[in-house]
């Protein structure tokens, strides 16, 4: 099975009263995070942006039993050859 992706959800407020959700994902260097996705439209309340960000994260999950997985080779697959 591919590895579990390390994704965080947070809310940014670039202008007072305008909240955006942001998904960040860690790279192979655990100290480096990159923006994976962010809301285009703002939300009037922090909690609404946070809930929408969590919904965006859940859309990245194909199977709720195992969470968001990185694309690529299945480590548990039988060897070829």
Protein backbone atom coordinates (compact mmCIF):
# COMPACT_ATOMS: atom_id res chain seq x y z
CA UNK A 1 0.00 0.00 0.00
CA UNK A 2 1.27 3.49 -0.75
CA UNK A 3 2.16 5.75 2.14
CA UNK A 4 -0.28 7.99 4.01
CA UNK A 5 -0.06 11.60 2.88
CA UNK A 6 0.68 14.21 5.57
CA UNK A 7 -1.88 16.94 4.95
CA UNK A 8 -2.90 19.78 7.23
CA UNK A 9 -5.95 22.04 7.11
CA UNK A 10 -5.71 25.60 8.35
CA UNK A 11 -7.54 28.88 7.94
CA UNK A 12 -5.88 32.06 6.70
CA UNK A 13 -7.28 35.60 7.03
CA UNK A 14 -5.50 37.74 4.41
CA UNK A 15 -7.96 40.60 5.01
CA UNK A 16 -10.01 41.19 8.19
CA UNK A 17 -13.20 39.12 8.08
CA UNK A 18 -12.21 37.19 4.91
CA UNK A 19 -11.31 33.62 5.78
CA UNK A 20 -9.83 31.03 3.40
CA UNK A 21 -9.12 27.36 3.99
CA UNK A 22 -5.74 26.02 2.92
CA UNK A 23 -4.46 22.45 2.55
CA UNK A 24 -0.71 22.03 3.03
CA UNK A 25 1.18 18.81 2.42
CA UNK A 26 4.57 17.88 3.79
CA UNK A 27 7.37 16.99 1.41
CA UNK A 28 10.01 14.33 1.93
CA UNK A 29 11.71 16.92 4.13
CA UNK A 30 9.31 17.06 7.08
CA UNK A 31 10.21 20.70 7.70
CA UNK A 32 8.97 21.77 4.26
CA UNK A 33 5.25 22.08 3.49
CA UNK A 34 3.70 23.06 0.17
CA UNK A 35 0.25 24.37 -0.61
CA UNK A 36 -1.84 21.57 -2.10
CA UNK A 37 -5.11 23.44 -2.48
CA UNK A 38 -6.86 26.57 -1.18
CA UNK A 39 -10.26 28.19 -1.39
CA UNK A 40 -10.77 30.76 -4.10
CA UNK A 41 -13.73 32.41 -2.40
CA UNK A 42 -13.56 33.71 1.14
CA UNK A 43 -15.87 32.82 4.03
CA UNK A 44 -17.34 35.35 6.47
CA UNK A 45 -16.67 33.09 9.48
CA UNK A 46 -13.56 31.15 10.49
CA UNK A 47 -15.54 28.00 11.32
CA UNK A 48 -17.16 27.94 7.87
CA UNK A 49 -13.75 28.11 6.19
CA UNK A 50 -12.43 25.40 8.51
CA UNK A 51 -15.38 23.09 7.79
CA UNK A 52 -15.02 23.63 4.03
CA UNK A 53 -11.28 22.88 4.28
CA UNK A 54 -11.99 19.61 6.07
CA UNK A 55 -14.52 18.73 3.36
CA UNK A 56 -11.83 19.43 0.73
CA UNK A 57 -9.44 17.13 2.59
CA UNK A 58 -12.03 14.36 2.72
CA UNK A 59 -12.50 14.63 -1.06
CA UNK A 60 -8.85 13.51 -1.37
CA UNK A 61 -9.70 10.24 0.42
CA UNK A 62 -10.74 7.40 -1.89
CA UNK A 63 -11.18 4.93 0.99
CA UNK A 64 -12.16 6.23 4.43
CA UNK A 65 -10.67 3.14 6.10
CA UNK A 66 -7.12 4.03 5.04
CA UNK A 67 -7.12 7.80 4.52
CA UNK A 68 -5.43 9.89 1.83
CA UNK A 69 -2.73 7.88 0.10
CA UNK A 70 0.04 9.00 -2.20
CA UNK A 71 -0.30 7.90 -5.81
CA UNK A 72 2.20 5.39 -7.03
CA UNK A 73 3.29 1.84 -6.62
CA UNK A 74 1.44 -0.39 -4.17
CA UNK A 75 4.08 -1.58 -1.68
CA UNK A 76 1.98 -4.64 -0.75
CA UNK A 77 1.46 -5.83 -4.34
CA UNK A 78 2.94 -9.12 -5.43
CA UNK A 79 6.28 -8.75 -7.23
CA UNK A 80 6.21 -8.91 -11.02
CA UNK A 81 8.34 -11.47 -12.80
